[in-house]
Every structure is written in structure tokens, then in C-alpha cells.
Amino acid sequence: MTQSRASLEKLIDGLLPEIVEVRRDIHQHPELAAQEHRTSEKVANWLANNEGILVKRIKSSTGVVGLLNEKSSGKTVALRADMDALPIVENTGVSYASVDHGRAHSCGHDGHTAVLMGTAKVLSKLRSELHGKVKFLFQPAEESGSTEGAKRMVKEGVLNDPKVDAIYALHSWPSLKAGEVGVRYGVMMANTDTFKVTLYGRGGHAARPEEAIDPIVMSAKVVESFQTIISRCTSPLAPAVITVGKIEGGSTSNVIPDSVSLLGTVRTLDDGTRTRIFDSMKRVVEATASMFNAPTPELEITRGYPATVNNDKMVSLVERVAKELLGEASVKTITQPTMGGEDFSHYLQDVPGAMFRLGVASSNERQNAPLHSARFNFNDDAIRTGILMMTGIVFEFLNN
């Protein structure tokens, strides 16, 4: 893979204290989607201080791109990390906890960023051994559910000039131990769509419902019927979720309101199921309004991230590298996709690539928490594995 695996590991181990410090600094200063100004500046300065890396700032966002071995005639491989935090009040109790109340790195993006920064430094030192170019994509706004993250990066041309031949990313995974990785062939994560239903009634006195049209009761019928779309209108072999996460309407106990709104998400793994569910939701909403003799309702559906579909050849490469570097026992095959979503999928629509899971669980189970929990904290013990994997993937793709 390189001149010596032992020398690679020695190089990484020598850098680890610095990378851990970087990770904790980013953790302490979390920034929400599209607001990653401090983090972006830190990343850009870091890349610029490594020989052989050309740094580019994305003008329309806080994204940063580093290009190693610009003049190489070989292929180009891209590595991606997301930088944004979540609007969560941290409850980890660590000495380097967030200093910004209501913001926290509760999905491990501080770890993703630090791992890629460490990988850039390692590859910079080994650049003469690489038979090609490496792009380091530091992306904002993965958590936003909008077009401000990967989609904007793609629009800004990060996959071109030079053209990217393959792309890889990792994601923290609390159900895997630090030192382990998980690989998944095919569909890994779901389409992530959102919806808003507005039901219109006719307001009135709560004691005289016959004089009104009650949108609260209508909303209850809609929520119940949405679940039958999954249980009776969708194949049991096609995983799908409809969740209503917010209901808003009414002002007090003795007033029937004029309208009620429902906000929620739809998760699917294939576009056929996705479309059928949307059609069924429209029928449910319209039929419910008609049944109550209510005004025409509104259903707004916003298509979010497409499903994350790994390329089999790229996954095979990740698996091969992981077994060589970590040992077969540390490589776990993921048998089921998750209904969570990832905007890494936007890159995969244009370039073959793969995302793999990086184990972050501690041997002390009480310290472990799920992603998006106020108690989640990226495990620094996973940084070494992340850098080792990313470096190994680059060498395997470019040199073999």
C-alpha cells in the first residue's frame, strides 16, 4: 500500500495528539449549517500549511476544497467530511463541551472533519508515493436538509477540474466499537422528504361543534390514515416511514380553530415507493376534507436528499482495505440500510463512491449515546482508525 504499513502507522500515531486537540477545539466551537465560518477558516489554514495542497474556498458557501498533487497525471480520488453541528444543548460533561449554548456536535461531524484534516496531513507527507491526485472536500450544511450542503458543492464544480473518478466518506456509528468499520453494498440510507399538510375548517365555539368544521378532528383522521398507507398500501418488502413530527392549531380549550397544520417526514429506499406514498397521501388528505365537508386542504411535499446508494466496486475496495489494515474481525457487513439520510448521496449521483461506518463506541457503555443525542460525543479513539482507513483507500485506489 505504501512503502511500509509500519511507517504509515508510526506517522499517524505521531500526529494523533495534534488531531485530537483539533477535534476538541472544533467540538468546543460548534457552528450550525451554513454558518461554519470559524471551522472553515481553521480547515483552510490547516490545508495551506501542508506542502503540495492547493486550497480553494467555495465563494457561495463555507465549503473548503484542498487538492493534493495538482500536476499529477493520474486519477483523482475525493474524500469528503461534513463540518456542521446541530441545534442541541450539549449534555456530555466533558471539559471541552460546547461554549455556544444550544449548539453541539451531536452527530460526530467534528470527528469527521478532524479525521480528514489528519488524512490530508498524512497524505501530504507521502505525496511522492501517490500515483494521482486527492481532493479533500470539507462540506457545510449536511444537517440542514436543504441544498446548501453537498448539492451546492456539486453545483460549484468540486467534482470537476480535475474530474473526480471516485469519492469516499465515513460516518460515526455508535453501535460499532472504536477500531471497527461497517460496510454496506447498495442502498445504505433513505430518501429524506418532508411534508406540510394544512387542513381548513370553520372555527366556532367548542360547545357547539355542529356549527363549525373541526380541523383538529380532521387532523387526527389524517395522522391515523397516513399510517395505513404504510401498513396497507405499501409492500412489506419495501421499507418506508411516514412520521408526523408536529401538529399546530388552536389557541385555547373552548375554541374550535379555523385551521391545523401537520409537519412530518417520509423515508423510502426507492423512487417507486416514494411516488406511490406521495400519491396516497394526497388522496388521504383530500378525502378527509371531503368527508368533513371542509374547504380544499393543502399538501406540500419537499423532496430532500436522495437515497445514498454505494457503488459495489467502491465498497469492495473499502472492505479490502479494512480487512488488510484492521483485520477481518474488525470489518462488519451491514445487512440492513438505515432510514436516516445523508446528502453524500448527491455526490454519488455523479461519481461512483462509497460511505462506510466508523465505529465510535467506547468500552465504557455508559459513555455511549446515539447520534443526535445531547449526550453524544465523538470518541477520540476512533480518529486513528479513520485516518488509517482514508489513507489506505487513497493508496489502494490510486496505486493499485
Protein backbone atom coordinates (compact mmCIF):
# COMPACT_ATOMS: atom_id res chain seq x y z
CA MET A 1 0.00 0.00 0.00
CA THR A 2 2.79 2.40 0.95
CA GLN A 3 6.50 1.77 1.37
CA SER A 4 5.66 0.27 4.77
CA ARG A 5 2.48 -0.14 6.74
CA ALA A 6 4.51 0.19 9.92
CA SER A 7 5.88 3.57 8.83
CA LEU A 8 2.36 4.74 7.95
CA GLU A 9 1.04 3.80 11.36
CA LYS A 10 4.04 5.44 13.03
CA LEU A 11 3.35 8.63 11.09
CA ILE A 12 -0.32 8.64 12.10
CA ASP A 13 0.47 7.89 15.74
CA GLY A 14 2.90 10.82 15.81
CA LEU A 15 0.14 13.17 14.61
CA LEU A 16 -2.66 11.87 16.84
CA PRO A 17 -2.21 14.24 19.82
CA GLU A 18 -2.43 17.23 17.47
CA ILE A 19 -5.50 15.86 15.67
CA VAL A 20 -7.27 15.10 18.95
CA GLU A 21 -6.63 18.68 20.03
CA VAL A 22 -8.06 19.94 16.72
CA ARG A 23 -11.16 17.76 17.12
CA ARG A 24 -11.81 19.01 20.63
CA ASP A 25 -11.39 22.63 19.58
CA ILE A 26 -13.95 22.17 16.79
CA HIS A 27 -16.24 20.38 19.27
CA GLN A 28 -15.99 23.29 21.69
CA HIS A 29 -16.94 25.81 18.99
CA PRO A 30 -19.81 24.19 17.05
CA GLU A 31 -21.40 26.06 14.16
CA LEU A 32 -24.78 25.37 12.60
CA ALA A 33 -25.46 24.60 8.95
CA ALA A 34 -24.13 27.23 6.52
CA GLN A 35 -22.61 29.18 9.45
CA GLU A 36 -19.32 27.25 9.73
CA HIS A 37 -17.10 30.34 9.36
CA ARG A 38 -14.64 29.60 12.16
CA THR A 39 -14.39 25.93 11.24
CA SER A 40 -13.96 26.75 7.56
CA GLU A 41 -11.16 29.20 8.34
CA LYS A 42 -9.44 26.64 10.57
CA VAL A 43 -9.63 23.98 7.87
CA ALA A 44 -8.38 26.29 5.11
CA ASN A 45 -5.39 27.42 7.18
CA TRP A 46 -4.58 23.83 8.11
CA LEU A 47 -4.59 22.68 4.49
CA ALA A 48 -2.48 25.64 3.38
CA ASN A 49 0.19 24.70 5.93
CA ASN A 50 0.71 21.30 4.29
CA GLU A 51 3.00 21.06 1.28
CA GLY A 52 1.52 20.11 -2.06
CA ILE A 53 -2.09 21.10 -1.22
CA LEU A 54 -3.81 23.81 -3.24
CA VAL A 55 -6.65 25.39 -1.23
CA LYS A 56 -9.89 26.74 -2.68
CA ARG A 57 -12.73 28.42 -0.76
CA ILE A 58 -16.25 27.97 -2.12
CA LYS A 59 -17.46 31.52 -2.74
CA SER A 60 -21.17 30.85 -2.26
CA SER A 61 -20.76 28.88 0.99
CA THR A 62 -18.38 27.98 3.79
CA GLY A 63 -17.08 24.95 1.91
CA VAL A 64 -13.35 24.32 1.51
CA VAL A 65 -11.57 22.18 -1.08
CA GLY A 66 -7.97 21.00 -0.92
CA LEU A 67 -6.21 19.48 -3.94
CA LEU A 68 -3.07 17.40 -3.44
CA ASN A 69 -0.67 16.64 -6.33
CA GLU A 70 -2.32 19.09 -8.71
CA LYS A 71 0.11 18.33 -11.55
CA SER A 72 -0.12 14.54 -11.33
CA SER A 73 -1.34 12.81 -14.49
CA GLY A 74 -3.05 10.01 -12.59
CA LYS A 75 -6.65 9.61 -11.49
CA THR A 76 -8.38 11.78 -8.87
CA VAL A 77 -10.00 10.47 -5.71
CA ALA A 78 -12.10 12.67 -3.41
CA LEU A 79 -12.62 12.36 0.34
CA ARG A 80 -15.49 14.21 1.99
CA ALA A 81 -16.15 15.43 5.55
CA ASP A 82 -19.11 17.45 6.85
CA MET A 83 -18.49 20.33 9.27
CA ASP A 84 -21.82 21.49 10.71
CA ALA A 85 -23.28 20.99 14.18
CA LEU A 86 -26.84 20.63 15.47
CA PRO A 87 -29.19 22.96 17.43
CA ILE A 88 -28.92 20.87 20.61
CA VAL A 89 -27.98 21.79 24.18
CA GLU A 90 -24.96 19.59 24.92
CA ASN A 91 -25.04 17.33 27.97
CA THR A 92 -21.76 15.40 27.81
CA GLY A 93 -19.96 16.84 30.82
CA VAL A 94 -16.60 16.89 29.02
CA SER A 95 -14.09 19.64 29.74
CA TYR A 96 -14.21 20.81 26.12
CA ALA A 97 -18.00 20.95 25.85
CA SER A 98 -19.66 23.50 23.58
CA VAL A 99 -19.24 27.11 24.66
CA ASP A 100 -22.20 28.07 22.46
CA HIS A 101 -25.41 27.21 24.32
CA GLY A 102 -27.89 25.46 22.06
CA ARG A 103 -25.28 24.21 19.58
CA ALA A 104 -23.48 20.89 19.76
CA HIS A 105 -21.55 18.42 17.64
CA SER A 106 -24.00 15.63 18.37
CA CYS A 107 -23.52 13.74 15.11
CA GLY A 108 -19.75 13.43 15.05
CA HIS A 109 -19.01 15.97 12.34
CA ASP A 110 -16.22 17.37 14.49
CA GLY A 111 -14.64 13.92 14.28
CA HIS A 112 -15.27 13.63 10.55
CA THR A 113 -13.57 16.99 9.97
CA ALA A 114 -10.60 16.20 12.22
CA VAL A 115 -10.09 12.79 10.59
CA LEU A 116 -9.97 14.36 7.12
CA MET A 117 -7.63 17.11 8.33
CA GLY A 118 -5.34 14.41 9.71
CA THR A 119 -5.61 12.41 6.49
CA ALA A 120 -4.63 15.48 4.46
CA LYS A 121 -1.53 15.97 6.59
CA VAL A 122 -0.50 12.31 6.31
CA LEU A 123 -1.01 12.19 2.54
CA SER A 124 0.84 15.48 2.12
CA LYS A 125 3.88 13.86 3.71
CA LEU A 126 3.50 10.79 1.48
CA ARG A 127 2.56 12.66 -1.71
CA SER A 128 5.59 11.44 -3.68
CA GLU A 129 4.28 7.87 -3.34
CA LEU A 130 0.85 8.68 -4.80
CA HIS A 131 0.12 7.99 -8.46
CA GLY A 132 -2.64 10.55 -8.77
CA LYS A 133 -4.48 13.46 -7.19
CA VAL A 134 -6.54 13.74 -3.99
CA LYS A 135 -9.38 16.19 -3.33
CA PHE A 136 -10.34 16.93 0.24
CA LEU A 137 -13.94 18.18 0.38
CA PHE A 138 -14.91 19.94 3.62
CA GLN A 139 -18.64 20.46 3.26
CA PRO A 140 -21.10 22.64 5.18
CA ALA A 141 -24.77 22.14 5.96
CA GLU A 142 -25.23 18.37 5.85
CA GLU A 143 -27.77 18.62 8.68
CA SER A 144 -29.83 21.34 7.01
CA GLY A 145 -31.92 19.09 4.79
CA SER A 146 -31.54 21.76 2.13
CA THR A 147 -29.48 22.44 -0.98
CA GLU A 148 -26.81 24.36 0.95
CA GLY A 149 -24.54 21.35 1.53
CA ALA A 150 -23.44 18.68 -0.93
CA LYS A 151 -25.78 19.83 -3.67
CA ARG A 152 -24.26 23.31 -3.64
CA MET A 153 -20.73 21.87 -3.57
CA VAL A 154 -21.54 19.79 -6.65
CA LYS A 155 -23.10 22.83 -8.35
CA GLU A 156 -19.92 24.79 -7.63
CA GLY A 157 -17.94 22.19 -9.56
CA VAL A 158 -15.99 20.40 -6.80
CA LEU A 159 -16.25 17.14 -8.76
CA ASN A 160 -14.55 18.72 -11.79
CA ASP A 161 -11.27 20.45 -12.65
CA PRO A 162 -9.83 17.89 -12.23
CA LYS A 163 -12.65 15.40 -12.71
CA VAL A 164 -13.16 13.15 -9.71
CA ASP A 165 -13.05 9.44 -10.53
CA ALA A 166 -14.23 8.14 -7.14
CA ILE A 167 -15.40 9.58 -3.83
CA TYR A 168 -15.41 8.22 -0.27
CA ALA A 169 -16.74 9.31 3.12
CA LEU A 170 -17.14 7.91 6.60
CA HIS A 171 -19.77 8.41 9.27
CA SER A 172 -19.58 7.93 13.03
CA TRP A 173 -21.55 4.91 14.22
CA PRO A 174 -22.20 4.36 17.95
CA SER A 175 -23.26 0.70 17.59
CA LEU A 176 -19.78 -0.24 16.34
CA LYS A 177 -16.75 -0.21 18.62
CA ALA A 178 -13.84 2.15 18.07
CA GLY A 179 -11.44 0.28 15.81
CA GLU A 180 -14.26 -1.31 13.81
CA VAL A 181 -15.80 -0.25 10.50
CA GLY A 182 -19.04 -1.21 8.77
CA VAL A 183 -19.50 -1.69 5.03
CA ARG A 184 -22.72 -1.83 3.06
CA TYR A 185 -23.26 -2.73 -0.59
CA GLY A 186 -26.05 -0.95 -2.48
CA VAL A 187 -28.61 1.26 -0.75
CA MET A 188 -27.25 2.49 2.56
CA MET A 189 -29.56 5.36 3.57
CA ALA A 190 -33.00 6.62 2.63
CA ASN A 191 -34.67 9.37 0.64
CA THR A 192 -35.47 12.12 3.15
CA ASP A 193 -38.58 14.09 2.17
CA THR A 194 -40.66 16.49 4.24
CA PHE A 195 -44.32 17.43 4.06
CA LYS A 196 -46.74 20.01 5.37
CA VAL A 197 -50.49 19.45 5.46
CA THR A 198 -52.82 22.40 6.06
CA LEU A 199 -56.40 21.47 6.92
CA TYR A 200 -59.01 24.22 6.77
CA GLY A 201 -62.21 24.09 8.80
CA ARG A 202 -64.63 26.64 10.17
CA GLY A 203 -63.96 27.97 13.62
CA GLY A 204 -66.56 28.15 16.35
CA HIS A 205 -67.47 27.52 19.96
CA ALA A 206 -66.21 24.20 21.36
CA ALA A 207 -69.64 23.62 22.98
CA ARG A 208 -71.42 23.87 19.61
CA PRO A 209 -69.35 21.73 17.21
CA GLU A 210 -72.31 21.29 14.86
CA GLU A 211 -71.91 24.95 13.85
CA ALA A 212 -68.25 24.50 12.97
CA ILE A 213 -65.98 22.26 10.90
CA ASP A 214 -63.34 20.92 13.27
CA PRO A 215 -59.84 20.67 11.72
CA ILE A 216 -58.48 19.14 14.95
CA VAL A 217 -60.61 16.03 14.43
CA MET A 218 -59.69 16.06 10.75
CA SER A 219 -56.01 16.11 11.63
CA ALA A 220 -56.44 13.06 13.88
CA LYS A 221 -58.05 11.20 10.98
CA VAL A 222 -55.23 12.18 8.63
CA VAL A 223 -52.48 11.06 11.05
CA GLU A 224 -54.20 7.70 11.55
CA SER A 225 -54.77 7.21 7.82
CA PHE A 226 -51.16 8.05 6.98
CA GLN A 227 -50.10 5.01 9.00
CA THR A 228 -52.38 2.75 6.96
CA ILE A 229 -50.52 3.91 3.84
CA ILE A 230 -47.50 2.10 5.25
CA SER A 231 -49.34 -0.93 6.65
CA ARG A 232 -51.87 -1.49 3.84
CA CYS A 233 -50.79 0.41 0.72
CA THR A 234 -47.04 -0.30 0.75
CA SER A 235 -45.34 -3.65 0.24
CA PRO A 236 -43.89 -5.14 3.44
CA LEU A 237 -40.75 -5.76 1.36
CA ALA A 238 -40.34 -2.03 0.65
CA PRO A 239 -39.19 -0.24 3.84
CA ALA A 240 -40.94 3.09 4.34
CA VAL A 241 -41.79 5.52 7.14
CA ILE A 242 -44.30 8.36 7.49
CA THR A 243 -43.85 10.35 10.68
CA VAL A 244 -45.86 13.39 11.72
CA GLY A 245 -43.48 15.32 13.93
CA LYS A 246 -45.51 18.45 14.62
CA ILE A 247 -49.20 19.38 14.83
CA GLU A 248 -50.08 23.03 15.23
CA GLY A 249 -53.52 24.50 15.66
CA GLY A 250 -55.90 26.05 18.14
CA SER A 251 -55.39 28.61 20.88
CA THR A 252 -57.43 27.52 23.90
CA SER A 253 -59.72 24.80 25.27
CA ASN A 254 -63.12 26.17 24.27
CA VAL A 255 -62.46 27.31 20.69
CA ILE A 256 -62.54 25.24 17.51
CA PRO A 257 -59.83 26.74 15.25
CA ASP A 258 -60.08 27.62 11.57
CA SER A 259 -57.09 25.52 10.54
CA VAL A 260 -54.49 22.97 11.64
CA SER A 261 -51.09 22.21 10.13
CA LEU A 262 -49.13 18.97 10.26
CA LEU A 263 -45.38 18.73 9.60
CA GLY A 264 -43.54 15.48 9.04
CA THR A 265 -41.16 13.36 7.06
CA VAL A 266 -41.35 10.48 4.57
CA ARG A 267 -38.47 8.00 4.32
CA THR A 268 -38.17 5.48 1.48
CA LEU A 269 -35.43 3.50 -0.23
CA ASP A 270 -36.64 3.54 -3.83
CA ASP A 271 -38.33 6.12 -6.05
CA GLY A 272 -41.30 3.89 -6.98
CA THR A 273 -42.36 3.55 -3.34
CA ARG A 274 -41.62 7.22 -2.81
CA THR A 275 -44.03 8.30 -5.59
CA ARG A 276 -46.79 5.88 -4.56
CA ILE A 277 -46.70 7.16 -0.98
CA PHE A 278 -46.92 10.78 -2.13
CA ASP A 279 -49.97 9.91 -4.28
CA SER A 280 -51.62 8.08 -1.39
CA MET A 281 -51.02 10.98 0.99
CA LYS A 282 -52.72 13.34 -1.46
CA ARG A 283 -55.77 11.06 -1.67
CA VAL A 284 -55.99 10.76 2.13
CA VAL A 285 -55.84 14.50 2.71
CA GLU A 286 -58.39 15.32 0.02
CA ALA A 287 -60.77 12.52 1.01
CA THR A 288 -60.66 13.54 4.68
CA ALA A 289 -61.54 17.13 3.86
CA SER A 290 -64.36 15.95 1.62
CA MET A 291 -65.72 13.65 4.34
CA PHE A 292 -65.97 16.61 6.73
CA ASN A 293 -67.35 18.92 4.03
CA ALA A 294 -64.34 21.15 4.62
CA PRO A 295 -62.58 23.60 2.30
CA THR A 296 -59.86 22.28 -0.02
CA PRO A 297 -56.75 21.29 2.01
CA GLU A 298 -53.13 21.80 1.04
CA LEU A 299 -50.34 19.23 0.86
CA GLU A 300 -46.82 20.50 0.26
CA ILE A 301 -44.09 17.91 -0.30
CA THR A 302 -40.45 18.94 -0.41
CA ARG A 303 -38.06 16.38 -1.82
CA GLY A 304 -34.97 16.17 0.33
CA TYR A 305 -31.81 14.12 -0.02
CA PRO A 306 -31.98 11.20 -2.43
CA ALA A 307 -31.17 7.73 -1.17
CA THR A 308 -27.48 7.05 -0.55
CA VAL A 309 -26.54 4.24 -2.92
CA ASN A 310 -22.99 2.90 -2.66
CA ASN A 311 -21.16 1.64 -5.73
CA ASP A 312 -20.35 -2.06 -5.29
CA LYS A 313 -16.82 -1.80 -6.70
CA MET A 314 -16.03 1.11 -4.39
CA VAL A 315 -17.42 -0.77 -1.37
CA SER A 316 -15.32 -3.79 -2.32
CA LEU A 317 -12.24 -1.58 -2.24
CA VAL A 318 -13.15 -0.24 1.22
CA GLU A 319 -13.74 -3.75 2.52
CA ARG A 320 -10.43 -4.98 1.09
CA VAL A 321 -8.51 -2.09 2.68
CA ALA A 322 -10.28 -2.51 6.02
CA LYS A 323 -9.51 -6.20 6.26
CA GLU A 324 -5.86 -5.59 5.41
CA LEU A 325 -5.41 -2.72 7.88
CA LEU A 326 -7.77 -3.67 10.71
CA GLY A 327 -8.19 -7.42 10.38
CA GLU A 328 -11.29 -9.33 9.28
CA ALA A 329 -12.79 -9.39 12.77
CA SER A 330 -12.99 -5.57 12.79
CA VAL A 331 -14.90 -5.34 9.49
CA LYS A 332 -18.66 -5.67 9.88
CA THR A 333 -21.05 -6.23 6.98
CA ILE A 334 -24.17 -4.05 7.28
CA THR A 335 -27.13 -6.22 6.33
CA GLN A 336 -29.84 -3.56 6.51
CA PRO A 337 -29.94 0.07 5.36
CA THR A 338 -30.97 2.82 7.75
CA MET A 339 -33.94 5.09 7.21
CA GLY A 340 -31.79 8.07 8.12
CA GLY A 341 -30.50 10.23 5.28
CA GLU A 342 -27.24 11.76 4.07
CA ASP A 343 -26.56 14.38 1.42
CA PHE A 344 -23.41 12.46 0.43
CA SER A 345 -25.95 10.91 -1.95
CA HIS A 346 -25.68 13.99 -4.21
CA TYR A 347 -22.03 13.20 -4.96
CA LEU A 348 -22.89 9.55 -5.64
CA GLN A 349 -25.35 10.57 -8.34
CA ASP A 350 -22.43 11.91 -10.40
CA VAL A 351 -19.42 9.85 -9.26
CA PRO A 352 -19.03 6.23 -8.12
CA GLY A 353 -18.19 6.06 -4.44
CA ALA A 354 -18.98 4.67 -1.03
CA MET A 355 -19.67 5.71 2.52
CA PHE A 356 -18.62 3.43 5.36
CA ARG A 357 -19.37 3.46 9.07
CA LEU A 358 -16.68 4.30 11.60
CA GLY A 359 -17.14 2.69 15.00
CA VAL A 360 -17.04 5.17 17.90
CA ALA A 361 -18.42 3.13 20.80
CA SER A 362 -16.37 3.16 23.98
CA SER A 363 -15.67 0.13 26.15
CA ASN A 364 -17.49 2.09 28.86
CA GLU A 365 -21.11 1.69 27.72
CA ARG A 366 -22.31 4.49 30.00
CA GLN A 367 -20.33 6.97 27.89
CA ASN A 368 -22.04 5.90 24.66
CA ALA A 369 -25.08 7.68 23.27
CA PRO A 370 -26.98 7.64 19.96
CA LEU A 371 -26.37 10.14 17.19
CA HIS A 372 -28.29 13.42 17.59
CA SER A 373 -28.39 12.92 21.36
CA ALA A 374 -27.33 15.69 23.72
CA ARG A 375 -25.02 13.10 25.32
CA PHE A 376 -23.22 12.06 22.12
CA ASN A 377 -19.51 12.81 21.88
CA PHE A 378 -17.20 11.53 19.14
CA ASN A 379 -14.71 9.02 20.56
CA ASP A 380 -11.14 10.19 20.03
CA ASP A 381 -10.03 6.56 19.95
CA ALA A 382 -11.70 6.30 16.52
CA ILE A 383 -9.56 9.03 14.93
CA ARG A 384 -6.62 6.71 14.27
CA THR A 385 -8.86 4.17 12.52
CA GLY A 386 -10.48 6.91 10.43
CA ILE A 387 -7.17 8.33 9.20
CA LEU A 388 -5.75 4.86 8.58
CA MET A 389 -8.80 3.88 6.52
CA MET A 390 -8.94 7.09 4.49
CA THR A 391 -5.21 6.95 3.75
CA GLY A 392 -5.40 3.27 2.82
CA ILE A 393 -8.35 3.88 0.48
CA VAL A 394 -6.46 6.61 -1.37
CA PHE A 395 -3.39 4.43 -1.90
CA GLU A 396 -5.46 1.43 -2.96
CA PHE A 397 -7.48 3.47 -5.48
CA LEU A 398 -4.63 5.50 -6.98
CA ASN A 399 -1.78 2.98 -6.89
CA ASN A 400 -3.46 -0.38 -7.39
